[in-house]
């Protein structure tokens, strides 16, 4: 009678089960933007920040601007604030952050939060969260989401930390 070893088939079954289990625990990353024509959304930009300044595509030409979609409840969004402060301090008027908040909180609550955190860059907010007319044309699906705009054109998407710092420095160096 021939002996059959079950060690190999059992090991393969266990490995497959582990891989399948990991696949269900770690779903694929959703796209940050559902809109396919992001440049079209940038070109059609027409929003008003909390201080009453209107921002259009014309305001993005001849500059380096990071359009940042964020919320106060988004931990990775909050982790970016020190980097944005550092970049603005380093580059002054040559670099701007235009933040589009998808918070559902009131304007008054958001302004109080921004003041406590010393966040001074332009903020667009209407309390409609992801349904906001400022966010909806971009199809924001995941936070944080961002677009680095150089002279009115999308140069990069969803950069954070050192890659963002390098991209801003390079964009400003080439201007």
Foldseek 3Di string as FASTA:
>chain_A
DDDDDCVVVVVVVVVVVVVVVVCVVDDDDDDQFPAPPQLVLQQQQWAAFPVGDTDHLVNLAPAKEKEKEEEPVDVVVVVQQVVQVVVCVVPPPRYAYEYEYLALDCPVVVVVVCVVVVPDGTYTDDNNRCPDPNNVNRRGDDPGKIFTGQRSHTPDIDDGDPVVVVVSVVSVVVD
